[in-house]
Amino acid sequence: MPLNNVIKIATKRRDLFLRAEKGHFASSHSHSNYYIDVAAQKSRLSEAKAVAQELCSNYNYNTRIVDTILCLDGTEVLGTCLADELTKNNFMNINAHQTIYVVTPEVTGSSQLLFRDNIVPMIHGKHVLVLAVSVASGNTANAAIEAVKYYGGEVVGIASIFATQEEIGGYSIDSVFNPNDLSDYFSVPAHECPLCKQKQKLDALINSYGYSKL
């Protein structure tokens, strides 16, 4: 069942929007007063391209090398669009080989990220850009950073559609949207949630796949 009263904030790009629903939402790591809906940006080609183009604007004058994009939270379509943008001629300094691996990790039952032997060469010795739907608590991004290092790769940055932080673990985060786009946004541990303290019931459980209304 779709959420009601979705806020849709337009940008200068025709196919780039921030969709958010205000309420009381809980993830496995935190509570927040907005659900950031990125389903279309992960699944619809025109919107994924627009997000990729916006993210690439952060690399116009950047000399970071990117060999591999590590896609978290089901961002493979977006990761492919981002790889396509970064291999264009105006980004030659970023990738001299004009090709980028786009990979996704396997997640174990204990939430650790795993790469099978045939995928490891795409991480080991490579400059890896971590791509996430959002970075709020930072747990998933930190797990990705640790996994890349464990498998012998070098993290060169983190890219996301929405982020509440500018850096994590010493790595910069490039995002399309941030809390400045939603002036009253918060994401806090459950025991610090002001809506819980006000006895306001949860509207939905959320994760990187979407939401389940209560």
N, C-alpha and C. Protein backbone atom coordinates (compact mmCIF):
# COMPACT_ATOMS: atom_id res chain seq x y z
N MET A 1 0.84 -1.19 0.00
CA MET A 1 0.00 0.00 0.00
C MET A 1 0.89 1.25 0.00
N PRO A 2 0.67 2.17 -0.95
CA PRO A 2 1.53 3.35 -1.02
C PRO A 2 1.31 4.29 0.15
N LEU A 3 2.36 5.05 0.44
CA LEU A 3 2.25 6.06 1.49
C LEU A 3 1.44 7.26 1.00
N ASN A 4 0.90 8.02 1.93
CA ASN A 4 0.13 9.21 1.59
C ASN A 4 0.99 10.45 1.79
N ASN A 5 0.58 11.55 1.18
CA ASN A 5 1.21 12.86 1.40
C ASN A 5 2.71 12.86 1.12
N VAL A 6 3.09 12.30 0.00
CA VAL A 6 4.50 12.29 -0.39
C VAL A 6 4.91 13.68 -0.86
N ILE A 7 6.00 14.18 -0.30
CA ILE A 7 6.58 15.46 -0.72
C ILE A 7 7.48 15.20 -1.91
N LYS A 8 7.36 16.00 -2.95
CA LYS A 8 8.18 15.83 -4.14
C LYS A 8 8.90 17.15 -4.42
N ILE A 9 10.20 17.17 -4.18
CA ILE A 9 11.00 18.39 -4.35
C ILE A 9 11.75 18.31 -5.68
N ALA A 10 11.45 19.23 -6.55
CA ALA A 10 12.08 19.25 -7.87
C ALA A 10 13.47 19.89 -7.81
N THR A 11 14.29 19.58 -8.81
CA THR A 11 15.61 20.19 -8.95
C THR A 11 15.73 20.78 -10.35
N LYS A 12 16.90 21.26 -10.69
CA LYS A 12 17.11 21.85 -12.01
C LYS A 12 17.08 20.79 -13.11
N ARG A 13 17.35 19.55 -12.76
CA ARG A 13 17.30 18.46 -13.74
C ARG A 13 15.88 17.94 -13.86
N ARG A 14 15.43 17.72 -15.07
CA ARG A 14 14.03 17.37 -15.33
C ARG A 14 13.60 16.08 -14.62
N ASP A 15 14.47 15.08 -14.58
CA ASP A 15 14.10 13.79 -14.03
C ASP A 15 14.69 13.53 -12.65
N LEU A 16 15.06 14.60 -11.95
CA LEU A 16 15.68 14.44 -10.64
C LEU A 16 14.80 15.07 -9.56
N PHE A 17 14.29 14.20 -8.65
CA PHE A 17 13.40 14.66 -7.59
C PHE A 17 13.82 14.02 -6.26
N LEU A 18 13.48 14.71 -5.18
CA LEU A 18 13.55 14.11 -3.86
C LEU A 18 12.12 13.81 -3.42
N ARG A 19 11.83 12.54 -3.20
CA ARG A 19 10.51 12.13 -2.73
C ARG A 19 10.63 11.74 -1.26
N ALA A 20 9.78 12.28 -0.43
CA ALA A 20 9.85 11.99 1.00
C ALA A 20 8.45 12.00 1.59
N GLU A 21 8.25 11.17 2.58
CA GLU A 21 6.99 11.11 3.32
C GLU A 21 7.28 11.43 4.78
N LYS A 22 6.55 12.37 5.35
CA LYS A 22 6.76 12.73 6.75
C LYS A 22 5.93 11.82 7.65
N GLY A 23 6.53 11.41 8.77
CA GLY A 23 5.83 10.54 9.70
C GLY A 23 6.79 10.03 10.76
N HIS A 24 6.57 8.81 11.22
CA HIS A 24 7.41 8.18 12.25
C HIS A 24 7.84 6.82 11.71
N PHE A 25 9.13 6.69 11.40
CA PHE A 25 9.64 5.51 10.72
C PHE A 25 10.79 4.88 11.49
N ALA A 26 10.87 3.56 11.43
CA ALA A 26 11.92 2.84 12.15
C ALA A 26 12.68 1.92 11.20
N SER A 27 14.00 1.99 11.26
CA SER A 27 14.86 1.04 10.57
C SER A 27 15.53 0.18 11.63
N SER A 28 16.40 -0.72 11.22
CA SER A 28 17.08 -1.58 12.19
C SER A 28 18.08 -0.81 13.04
N HIS A 29 18.46 0.40 12.59
CA HIS A 29 19.48 1.16 13.29
C HIS A 29 18.97 2.46 13.93
N SER A 30 17.82 2.98 13.45
CA SER A 30 17.43 4.31 13.91
C SER A 30 15.94 4.56 13.69
N HIS A 31 15.48 5.68 14.23
CA HIS A 31 14.15 6.21 13.96
C HIS A 31 14.30 7.54 13.24
N SER A 32 13.37 7.86 12.35
CA SER A 32 13.42 9.13 11.63
C SER A 32 12.02 9.66 11.41
N ASN A 33 11.95 10.95 11.08
CA ASN A 33 10.64 11.56 10.84
C ASN A 33 10.33 11.72 9.36
N TYR A 34 11.21 11.21 8.51
CA TYR A 34 10.94 11.18 7.07
C TYR A 34 11.36 9.84 6.50
N TYR A 35 10.59 9.35 5.56
CA TYR A 35 11.00 8.21 4.75
C TYR A 35 11.43 8.77 3.40
N ILE A 36 12.68 8.55 3.04
CA ILE A 36 13.20 9.01 1.75
C ILE A 36 12.96 7.91 0.72
N ASP A 37 12.08 8.18 -0.23
CA ASP A 37 11.68 7.16 -1.21
C ASP A 37 12.55 7.27 -2.47
N VAL A 38 13.44 6.30 -2.62
CA VAL A 38 14.36 6.31 -3.77
C VAL A 38 14.08 5.15 -4.73
N ALA A 39 12.91 4.53 -4.60
CA ALA A 39 12.60 3.37 -5.42
C ALA A 39 12.70 3.68 -6.92
N ALA A 40 12.16 4.83 -7.33
CA ALA A 40 12.20 5.18 -8.75
C ALA A 40 13.62 5.47 -9.21
N GLN A 41 14.43 6.09 -8.35
CA GLN A 41 15.80 6.41 -8.73
C GLN A 41 16.68 5.17 -8.83
N LYS A 42 16.27 4.09 -8.16
CA LYS A 42 17.00 2.83 -8.27
C LYS A 42 16.52 2.01 -9.46
N SER A 43 15.28 2.23 -9.91
CA SER A 43 14.67 1.32 -10.87
C SER A 43 14.32 1.93 -12.22
N ARG A 44 14.10 3.23 -12.26
CA ARG A 44 13.68 3.90 -13.49
C ARG A 44 14.90 4.50 -14.19
N LEU A 45 15.15 4.10 -15.41
CA LEU A 45 16.38 4.45 -16.10
C LEU A 45 16.59 5.96 -16.21
N SER A 46 15.55 6.70 -16.57
CA SER A 46 15.70 8.15 -16.75
C SER A 46 16.10 8.82 -15.44
N GLU A 47 15.52 8.37 -14.32
CA GLU A 47 15.85 8.96 -13.03
C GLU A 47 17.23 8.52 -12.55
N ALA A 48 17.59 7.28 -12.81
CA ALA A 48 18.92 6.79 -12.45
C ALA A 48 19.99 7.57 -13.21
N LYS A 49 19.75 7.85 -14.48
CA LYS A 49 20.69 8.64 -15.28
C LYS A 49 20.83 10.04 -14.71
N ALA A 50 19.72 10.64 -14.30
CA ALA A 50 19.76 12.00 -13.76
C ALA A 50 20.56 12.04 -12.45
N VAL A 51 20.36 11.03 -11.59
CA VAL A 51 21.12 10.96 -10.34
C VAL A 51 22.60 10.79 -10.64
N ALA A 52 22.92 9.91 -11.60
CA ALA A 52 24.32 9.66 -11.96
C ALA A 52 24.98 10.93 -12.48
N GLN A 53 24.27 11.67 -13.31
CA GLN A 53 24.82 12.91 -13.86
C GLN A 53 25.06 13.93 -12.76
N GLU A 54 24.15 13.99 -11.79
CA GLU A 54 24.31 14.93 -10.68
C GLU A 54 25.50 14.52 -9.81
N LEU A 55 25.64 13.23 -9.54
CA LEU A 55 26.77 12.77 -8.75
C LEU A 55 28.09 13.04 -9.47
N CYS A 56 28.09 12.90 -10.78
CA CYS A 56 29.31 13.12 -11.56
C CYS A 56 29.77 14.57 -11.52
N SER A 57 28.85 15.48 -11.23
CA SER A 57 29.24 16.89 -11.16
C SER A 57 30.24 17.11 -10.03
N ASN A 58 30.31 16.18 -9.07
CA ASN A 58 31.29 16.27 -7.98
C ASN A 58 32.69 15.89 -8.44
N TYR A 59 32.79 15.27 -9.62
CA TYR A 59 34.08 14.76 -10.08
C TYR A 59 34.64 15.53 -11.27
N ASN A 60 34.00 16.64 -11.63
CA ASN A 60 34.47 17.39 -12.79
C ASN A 60 35.92 17.84 -12.67
N TYR A 61 36.33 18.22 -11.48
CA TYR A 61 37.70 18.69 -11.26
C TYR A 61 38.42 17.78 -10.27
N ASN A 62 38.06 16.51 -10.31
CA ASN A 62 38.60 15.55 -9.36
C ASN A 62 39.52 14.58 -10.08
N THR A 63 40.61 14.23 -9.44
CA THR A 63 41.57 13.31 -10.07
C THR A 63 41.53 11.92 -9.43
N ARG A 64 40.49 11.64 -8.64
CA ARG A 64 40.36 10.31 -8.05
C ARG A 64 40.22 9.26 -9.15
N ILE A 65 40.92 8.16 -9.01
CA ILE A 65 40.77 7.05 -9.93
C ILE A 65 39.64 6.15 -9.43
N VAL A 66 38.78 5.70 -10.32
CA VAL A 66 37.71 4.77 -9.97
C VAL A 66 37.80 3.57 -10.91
N ASP A 67 38.12 2.41 -10.35
CA ASP A 67 38.17 1.17 -11.13
C ASP A 67 36.89 0.36 -10.96
N THR A 68 36.29 0.46 -9.77
CA THR A 68 35.16 -0.38 -9.42
C THR A 68 34.12 0.43 -8.65
N ILE A 69 32.85 0.21 -8.97
CA ILE A 69 31.76 0.78 -8.18
C ILE A 69 31.10 -0.35 -7.42
N LEU A 70 31.11 -0.24 -6.10
CA LEU A 70 30.50 -1.25 -5.25
C LEU A 70 29.08 -0.82 -4.91
N CYS A 71 28.09 -1.53 -5.43
CA CYS A 71 26.69 -1.15 -5.31
C CYS A 71 26.04 -1.78 -4.08
N LEU A 72 25.57 -0.94 -3.18
CA LEU A 72 24.85 -1.39 -1.99
C LEU A 72 23.36 -1.09 -2.16
N ASP A 73 22.53 -1.76 -1.40
CA ASP A 73 21.10 -1.41 -1.30
C ASP A 73 20.36 -1.52 -2.63
N GLY A 74 20.79 -2.39 -3.54
CA GLY A 74 20.08 -2.54 -4.80
C GLY A 74 20.28 -1.41 -5.79
N THR A 75 21.47 -0.81 -5.79
CA THR A 75 21.74 0.34 -6.66
C THR A 75 22.44 -0.04 -7.96
N GLU A 76 22.26 -1.28 -8.44
CA GLU A 76 22.98 -1.72 -9.62
C GLU A 76 22.65 -0.90 -10.87
N VAL A 77 21.38 -0.53 -11.04
CA VAL A 77 21.01 0.29 -12.21
C VAL A 77 21.70 1.64 -12.13
N LEU A 78 21.64 2.26 -10.96
CA LEU A 78 22.30 3.54 -10.76
C LEU A 78 23.81 3.41 -10.92
N GLY A 79 24.38 2.32 -10.40
CA GLY A 79 25.81 2.09 -10.52
C GLY A 79 26.25 1.97 -11.97
N THR A 80 25.44 1.30 -12.78
CA THR A 80 25.76 1.17 -14.20
C THR A 80 25.72 2.52 -14.90
N CYS A 81 24.71 3.34 -14.57
CA CYS A 81 24.62 4.68 -15.15
C CYS A 81 25.80 5.54 -14.71
N LEU A 82 26.20 5.41 -13.45
CA LEU A 82 27.33 6.18 -12.94
C LEU A 82 28.62 5.75 -13.63
N ALA A 83 28.80 4.45 -13.83
CA ALA A 83 29.99 3.95 -14.53
C ALA A 83 30.02 4.47 -15.96
N ASP A 84 28.85 4.51 -16.59
CA ASP A 84 28.77 5.02 -17.97
C ASP A 84 29.18 6.48 -18.03
N GLU A 85 28.72 7.27 -17.07
CA GLU A 85 29.08 8.70 -17.04
C GLU A 85 30.58 8.89 -16.79
N LEU A 86 31.13 8.10 -15.86
CA LEU A 86 32.54 8.27 -15.49
C LEU A 86 33.52 7.76 -16.53
N THR A 87 33.04 6.99 -17.50
CA THR A 87 33.92 6.51 -18.56
C THR A 87 33.82 7.36 -19.82
N LYS A 88 33.10 8.47 -19.74
CA LYS A 88 33.05 9.39 -20.88
C LYS A 88 34.34 10.20 -20.95
N ASN A 89 34.60 10.80 -22.09
CA ASN A 89 35.88 11.45 -22.34
C ASN A 89 36.23 12.54 -21.34
N ASN A 90 35.24 13.26 -20.83
CA ASN A 90 35.54 14.36 -19.91
C ASN A 90 35.97 13.88 -18.53
N PHE A 91 35.96 12.56 -18.31
CA PHE A 91 36.42 12.01 -17.04
C PHE A 91 37.62 11.08 -17.24
N MET A 92 38.45 11.37 -18.23
CA MET A 92 39.59 10.53 -18.54
C MET A 92 40.56 10.41 -17.37
N ASN A 93 40.70 11.48 -16.56
CA ASN A 93 41.62 11.44 -15.43
C ASN A 93 41.15 10.45 -14.36
N ILE A 94 39.82 10.26 -14.31
CA ILE A 94 39.27 9.36 -13.31
C ILE A 94 39.47 7.91 -13.70
N ASN A 95 39.35 7.61 -14.99
CA ASN A 95 39.51 6.23 -15.41
C ASN A 95 40.16 6.18 -16.78
N ALA A 96 41.46 6.02 -16.79
CA ALA A 96 42.22 6.03 -18.04
C ALA A 96 41.90 4.81 -18.91
N HIS A 97 41.42 3.72 -18.29
CA HIS A 97 41.11 2.51 -19.06
C HIS A 97 39.73 2.58 -19.71
N GLN A 98 38.97 3.59 -19.38
CA GLN A 98 37.62 3.79 -19.91
C GLN A 98 36.71 2.59 -19.68
N THR A 99 36.90 1.91 -18.57
CA THR A 99 35.99 0.85 -18.17
C THR A 99 35.97 0.77 -16.65
N ILE A 100 34.84 0.40 -16.10
CA ILE A 100 34.67 0.32 -14.66
C ILE A 100 33.89 -0.95 -14.33
N TYR A 101 34.34 -1.69 -13.32
CA TYR A 101 33.59 -2.84 -12.83
C TYR A 101 32.41 -2.33 -11.99
N VAL A 102 31.26 -2.96 -12.14
CA VAL A 102 30.10 -2.66 -11.31
C VAL A 102 29.73 -3.95 -10.59
N VAL A 103 29.95 -3.98 -9.27
CA VAL A 103 29.75 -5.21 -8.52
C VAL A 103 28.82 -4.97 -7.33
N THR A 104 28.24 -6.06 -6.85
CA THR A 104 27.40 -5.99 -5.66
C THR A 104 27.84 -7.08 -4.70
N PRO A 105 27.87 -6.82 -3.41
CA PRO A 105 28.35 -7.83 -2.46
C PRO A 105 27.28 -8.84 -2.10
N GLU A 106 27.71 -9.96 -1.61
CA GLU A 106 26.82 -10.93 -1.00
C GLU A 106 26.79 -10.62 0.50
N VAL A 107 25.62 -10.65 1.10
CA VAL A 107 25.49 -10.31 2.51
C VAL A 107 25.21 -11.59 3.30
N THR A 108 26.05 -11.86 4.29
CA THR A 108 25.89 -13.06 5.11
C THR A 108 24.81 -12.84 6.16
N GLY A 109 24.46 -13.92 6.87
CA GLY A 109 23.44 -13.83 7.90
C GLY A 109 23.82 -12.91 9.04
N SER A 110 25.11 -12.69 9.22
CA SER A 110 25.59 -11.78 10.28
C SER A 110 25.84 -10.37 9.75
N SER A 111 25.30 -10.08 8.55
CA SER A 111 25.36 -8.76 7.91
C SER A 111 26.77 -8.38 7.44
N GLN A 112 27.66 -9.34 7.33
CA GLN A 112 28.97 -9.07 6.76
C GLN A 112 28.89 -9.15 5.25
N LEU A 113 29.75 -8.38 4.57
CA LEU A 113 29.77 -8.37 3.11
C LEU A 113 30.82 -9.35 2.62
N LEU A 114 30.43 -10.15 1.64
CA LEU A 114 31.28 -11.22 1.14
C LEU A 114 31.42 -11.12 -0.38
N PHE A 115 32.63 -11.38 -0.87
CA PHE A 115 32.86 -11.46 -2.32
C PHE A 115 33.40 -12.84 -2.65
N ARG A 116 32.80 -13.50 -3.62
CA ARG A 116 33.27 -14.81 -4.04
C ARG A 116 34.59 -14.67 -4.81
N ASP A 117 35.28 -15.80 -4.95
CA ASP A 117 36.63 -15.78 -5.51
C ASP A 117 36.69 -15.16 -6.91
N ASN A 118 35.64 -15.35 -7.71
CA ASN A 118 35.68 -14.81 -9.07
C ASN A 118 35.41 -13.31 -9.11
N ILE A 119 34.90 -12.75 -8.01
CA ILE A 119 34.64 -11.32 -7.92
C ILE A 119 35.79 -10.57 -7.25
N VAL A 120 36.55 -11.27 -6.41
CA VAL A 120 37.64 -10.63 -5.66
C VAL A 120 38.60 -9.85 -6.55
N PRO A 121 38.99 -10.35 -7.75
CA PRO A 121 39.90 -9.56 -8.60
C PRO A 121 39.35 -8.19 -9.01
N MET A 122 38.03 -8.01 -8.91
CA MET A 122 37.43 -6.72 -9.23
C MET A 122 37.51 -5.75 -8.05
N ILE A 123 37.94 -6.27 -6.88
CA ILE A 123 38.10 -5.46 -5.68
C ILE A 123 39.58 -5.33 -5.31
N HIS A 124 40.30 -6.45 -5.32
CA HIS A 124 41.70 -6.47 -4.89
C HIS A 124 42.57 -5.59 -5.79
N GLY A 125 43.28 -4.66 -5.14
CA GLY A 125 44.17 -3.77 -5.89
C GLY A 125 43.46 -2.70 -6.69
N LYS A 126 42.15 -2.58 -6.51
CA LYS A 126 41.35 -1.63 -7.29
C LYS A 126 40.95 -0.43 -6.42
N HIS A 127 40.71 0.70 -7.10
CA HIS A 127 40.18 1.90 -6.45
C HIS A 127 38.65 1.80 -6.50
N VAL A 128 38.03 1.70 -5.32
CA VAL A 128 36.62 1.36 -5.23
C VAL A 128 35.79 2.54 -4.73
N LEU A 129 34.75 2.88 -5.49
CA LEU A 129 33.78 3.89 -5.07
C LEU A 129 32.56 3.16 -4.52
N VAL A 130 32.21 3.43 -3.28
CA VAL A 130 31.06 2.80 -2.63
C VAL A 130 29.81 3.60 -2.97
N LEU A 131 28.78 2.92 -3.49
CA LEU A 131 27.53 3.58 -3.87
C LEU A 131 26.39 3.05 -3.01
N ALA A 132 25.71 3.95 -2.31
CA ALA A 132 24.62 3.56 -1.41
C ALA A 132 23.37 4.37 -1.70
N VAL A 133 22.22 3.86 -1.28
CA VAL A 133 20.98 4.61 -1.40
C VAL A 133 21.04 5.84 -0.50
N SER A 134 21.38 5.61 0.76
CA SER A 134 21.47 6.71 1.72
C SER A 134 22.52 6.38 2.77
N VAL A 135 23.03 7.42 3.39
CA VAL A 135 23.97 7.25 4.50
C VAL A 135 23.42 8.06 5.67
N ALA A 136 22.89 7.36 6.65
CA ALA A 136 22.33 8.02 7.85
C ALA A 136 23.10 7.57 9.08
N SER A 137 22.86 6.34 9.52
CA SER A 137 23.60 5.83 10.67
C SER A 137 25.05 5.52 10.29
N GLY A 138 25.27 5.17 9.03
CA GLY A 138 26.62 4.86 8.57
C GLY A 138 27.02 3.41 8.73
N ASN A 139 26.16 2.58 9.29
CA ASN A 139 26.51 1.17 9.54
C ASN A 139 26.83 0.42 8.25
N THR A 140 25.97 0.58 7.23
CA THR A 140 26.17 -0.14 5.98
C THR A 140 27.42 0.36 5.26
N ALA A 141 27.61 1.67 5.25
CA ALA A 141 28.79 2.24 4.59
C ALA A 141 30.07 1.77 5.28
N ASN A 142 30.06 1.74 6.60
CA ASN A 142 31.23 1.26 7.34
C ASN A 142 31.52 -0.20 7.02
N ALA A 143 30.47 -1.02 6.92
CA ALA A 143 30.65 -2.43 6.60
C ALA A 143 31.28 -2.58 5.21
N ALA A 144 30.86 -1.72 4.28
CA ALA A 144 31.41 -1.76 2.92
C ALA A 144 32.89 -1.35 2.91
N ILE A 145 33.22 -0.32 3.66
CA ILE A 145 34.61 0.13 3.76
C ILE A 145 35.49 -0.98 4.31
N GLU A 146 35.02 -1.63 5.37
CA GLU A 146 35.79 -2.71 5.98
C GLU A 146 35.97 -3.88 5.00
N ALA A 147 34.91 -4.20 4.25
CA ALA A 147 34.98 -5.31 3.30
C ALA A 147 35.97 -5.02 2.17
N VAL A 148 35.93 -3.81 1.64
CA VAL A 148 36.85 -3.45 0.56
C VAL A 148 38.29 -3.56 1.04
N LYS A 149 38.56 -3.05 2.23
CA LYS A 149 39.92 -3.13 2.78
C LYS A 149 40.33 -4.59 3.02
N TYR A 150 39.41 -5.38 3.54
CA TYR A 150 39.71 -6.79 3.82
C TYR A 150 40.11 -7.54 2.55
N TYR A 151 39.43 -7.22 1.44
CA TYR A 151 39.72 -7.91 0.19
C TYR A 151 40.80 -7.21 -0.64
N GLY A 152 41.50 -6.26 -0.03
CA GLY A 152 42.66 -5.68 -0.68
C GLY A 152 42.38 -4.53 -1.61
N GLY A 153 41.21 -3.92 -1.51
CA GLY A 153 40.89 -2.77 -2.34
C GLY A 153 41.15 -1.47 -1.61
N GLU A 154 41.06 -0.38 -2.34
CA GLU A 154 41.25 0.96 -1.77
C GLU A 154 39.99 1.78 -1.98
N VAL A 155 39.37 2.18 -0.90
CA VAL A 155 38.16 3.01 -0.99
C VAL A 155 38.56 4.43 -1.39
N VAL A 156 37.91 4.97 -2.41
CA VAL A 156 38.23 6.33 -2.86
C VAL A 156 37.11 7.32 -2.55
N GLY A 157 36.01 6.83 -2.00
CA GLY A 157 34.92 7.73 -1.64
C GLY A 157 33.60 6.99 -1.54
N ILE A 158 32.58 7.71 -1.14
CA ILE A 158 31.24 7.16 -1.00
C ILE A 158 30.28 8.09 -1.72
N ALA A 159 29.40 7.51 -2.52
CA ALA A 159 28.38 8.29 -3.23
C ALA A 159 27.01 7.77 -2.82
N SER A 160 26.04 8.68 -2.69
CA SER A 160 24.70 8.25 -2.29
C SER A 160 23.67 9.24 -2.80
N ILE A 161 22.43 8.79 -2.82
CA ILE A 161 21.34 9.68 -3.22
C ILE A 161 21.06 10.67 -2.10
N PHE A 162 21.02 10.17 -0.87
CA PHE A 162 20.73 11.02 0.30
C PHE A 162 21.73 10.70 1.40
N ALA A 163 22.26 11.70 2.05
CA ALA A 163 23.21 11.48 3.14
C ALA A 163 23.04 12.54 4.21
N THR A 164 23.15 12.13 5.44
CA THR A 164 23.07 13.07 6.56
C THR A 164 24.45 13.47 7.05
N GLN A 165 25.50 12.88 6.46
CA GLN A 165 26.87 13.16 6.86
C GLN A 165 27.69 13.55 5.64
N GLU A 166 28.78 14.26 5.88
CA GLU A 166 29.68 14.66 4.79
C GLU A 166 30.88 13.74 4.67
N GLU A 167 31.15 12.99 5.71
CA GLU A 167 32.23 12.01 5.66
C GLU A 167 32.00 10.92 6.68
N ILE A 168 32.60 9.77 6.43
CA ILE A 168 32.50 8.67 7.37
C ILE A 168 33.77 7.84 7.26
N GLY A 169 34.33 7.52 8.38
CA GLY A 169 35.55 6.73 8.40
C GLY A 169 36.71 7.40 7.70
N GLY A 170 36.66 8.74 7.61
CA GLY A 170 37.72 9.47 6.93
C GLY A 170 37.53 9.59 5.44
N TYR A 171 36.41 9.08 4.92
CA TYR A 171 36.13 9.15 3.48
C TYR A 171 34.99 10.13 3.22
N SER A 172 35.14 10.95 2.20
CA SER A 172 34.12 11.95 1.88
C SER A 172 32.89 11.28 1.26
N ILE A 173 31.73 11.87 1.51
CA ILE A 173 30.47 11.39 0.97
C ILE A 173 29.93 12.42 -0.01
N ASP A 174 29.69 12.01 -1.23
CA ASP A 174 29.07 12.88 -2.24
C ASP A 174 27.62 12.44 -2.39
N SER A 175 26.69 13.33 -2.12
CA SER A 175 25.27 12.97 -2.21
C SER A 175 24.53 14.00 -3.04
N VAL A 176 23.41 13.56 -3.59
CA VAL A 176 22.55 14.46 -4.36
C VAL A 176 21.71 15.31 -3.42
N PHE A 177 21.20 14.68 -2.36
CA PHE A 177 20.35 15.37 -1.39
C PHE A 177 20.91 15.20 0.02
N ASN A 178 20.56 16.13 0.90
CA ASN A 178 20.98 16.06 2.30
C ASN A 178 19.89 16.70 3.16
N PRO A 179 20.05 16.71 4.50
CA PRO A 179 19.00 17.25 5.36
C PRO A 179 18.65 18.71 5.11
N ASN A 180 19.51 19.46 4.43
CA ASN A 180 19.16 20.84 4.10
C ASN A 180 17.94 20.92 3.20
N ASP A 181 17.66 19.82 2.48
CA ASP A 181 16.48 19.78 1.61
C ASP A 181 15.21 19.53 2.42
N LEU A 182 15.37 19.07 3.67
CA LEU A 182 14.23 18.83 4.58
C LEU A 182 14.63 19.42 5.92
N SER A 183 14.27 20.66 6.15
CA SER A 183 14.82 21.44 7.26
C SER A 183 14.62 20.81 8.64
N ASP A 184 13.55 20.05 8.83
CA ASP A 184 13.28 19.48 10.15
C ASP A 184 13.60 17.99 10.24
N TYR A 185 14.35 17.48 9.28
CA TYR A 185 14.67 16.04 9.23
C TYR A 185 15.52 15.63 10.42
N PHE A 186 15.24 14.43 10.95
CA PHE A 186 16.15 13.84 11.93
C PHE A 186 16.19 12.33 11.77
N SER A 187 17.31 11.75 12.13
CA SER A 187 17.49 10.31 12.18
C SER A 187 18.35 10.03 13.41
N VAL A 188 17.77 9.36 14.40
CA VAL A 188 18.44 9.17 15.69
C VAL A 188 18.24 7.74 16.18
N PRO A 189 19.08 7.29 17.12
CA PRO A 189 18.84 5.98 17.74
C PRO A 189 17.46 5.95 18.38
N ALA A 190 16.86 4.76 18.44
CA ALA A 190 15.48 4.63 18.92
C ALA A 190 15.28 5.23 20.30
N HIS A 191 16.25 5.07 21.19
CA HIS A 191 16.08 5.57 22.55
C HIS A 191 16.15 7.09 22.65
N GLU A 192 16.57 7.74 21.53
CA GLU A 192 16.63 9.20 21.53
C GLU A 192 15.50 9.82 20.71
N CYS A 193 14.61 9.01 20.17
CA CYS A 193 13.59 9.49 19.25
C CYS A 193 12.56 10.39 19.95
N PRO A 194 12.42 11.63 19.53
CA PRO A 194 11.45 12.53 20.16
C PRO A 194 10.00 12.11 19.90
N LEU A 195 9.75 11.44 18.79
CA LEU A 195 8.38 11.00 18.49
C LEU A 195 7.98 9.86 19.41
N CYS A 196 8.93 8.99 19.74
CA CYS A 196 8.64 7.92 20.71
C CYS A 196 8.34 8.52 22.08
N LYS A 197 9.10 9.55 22.44
CA LYS A 197 8.90 10.19 23.74
C LYS A 197 7.54 10.89 23.81
N GLN A 198 7.02 11.26 22.62
CA GLN A 198 5.70 11.88 22.56
C GLN A 198 4.59 10.83 22.39
N LYS A 199 4.97 9.55 22.46
CA LYS A 199 4.03 8.43 22.35
C LYS A 199 3.38 8.35 20.97
N GLN A 200 4.07 8.86 19.95
CA GLN A 200 3.54 8.80 18.59
C GLN A 200 3.84 7.43 17.99
N LYS A 201 2.81 6.76 17.48
CA LYS A 201 2.97 5.42 16.93
C LYS A 201 3.79 5.45 15.64
N LEU A 202 4.46 4.32 15.38
CA LEU A 202 5.22 4.18 14.14
C LEU A 202 4.26 4.07 12.96
N ASP A 203 4.63 4.69 11.85
CA ASP A 203 3.85 4.58 10.62
C ASP A 203 4.29 3.40 9.76
N ALA A 204 5.61 3.12 9.77
CA ALA A 204 6.11 2.06 8.91
C ALA A 204 7.51 1.64 9.34
N LEU A 205 7.87 0.42 8.98
CA LEU A 205 9.23 -0.07 9.11
C LEU A 205 9.92 0.13 7.77
N ILE A 206 11.15 0.61 7.78
CA ILE A 206 11.82 0.93 6.53
C ILE A 206 13.20 0.28 6.48
N ASN A 207 13.64 -0.02 5.26
CA ASN A 207 15.02 -0.43 5.01
C ASN A 207 15.37 -0.05 3.59
N SER A 208 16.49 -0.53 3.08
CA SER A 208 16.94 -0.12 1.75
C SER A 208 16.03 -0.62 0.63
N TYR A 209 15.15 -1.60 0.94
CA TYR A 209 14.25 -2.13 -0.08
C TYR A 209 12.94 -1.35 -0.16
N GLY A 210 12.58 -0.67 0.93
CA GLY A 210 11.33 0.09 0.92
C GLY A 210 10.73 0.17 2.31
N TYR A 211 9.40 0.10 2.38
CA TYR A 211 8.71 0.27 3.66
C TYR A 211 7.59 -0.76 3.79
N SER A 212 7.21 -1.02 5.04
CA SER A 212 6.06 -1.85 5.36
C SER A 212 5.22 -1.09 6.36
N LYS A 213 4.03 -0.68 5.95
CA LYS A 213 3.16 0.10 6.82
C LYS A 213 2.67 -0.74 7.99
N LEU A 214 2.49 -0.08 9.13
CA LEU A 214 2.00 -0.76 10.33
C LEU A 214 0.53 -0.43 10.57
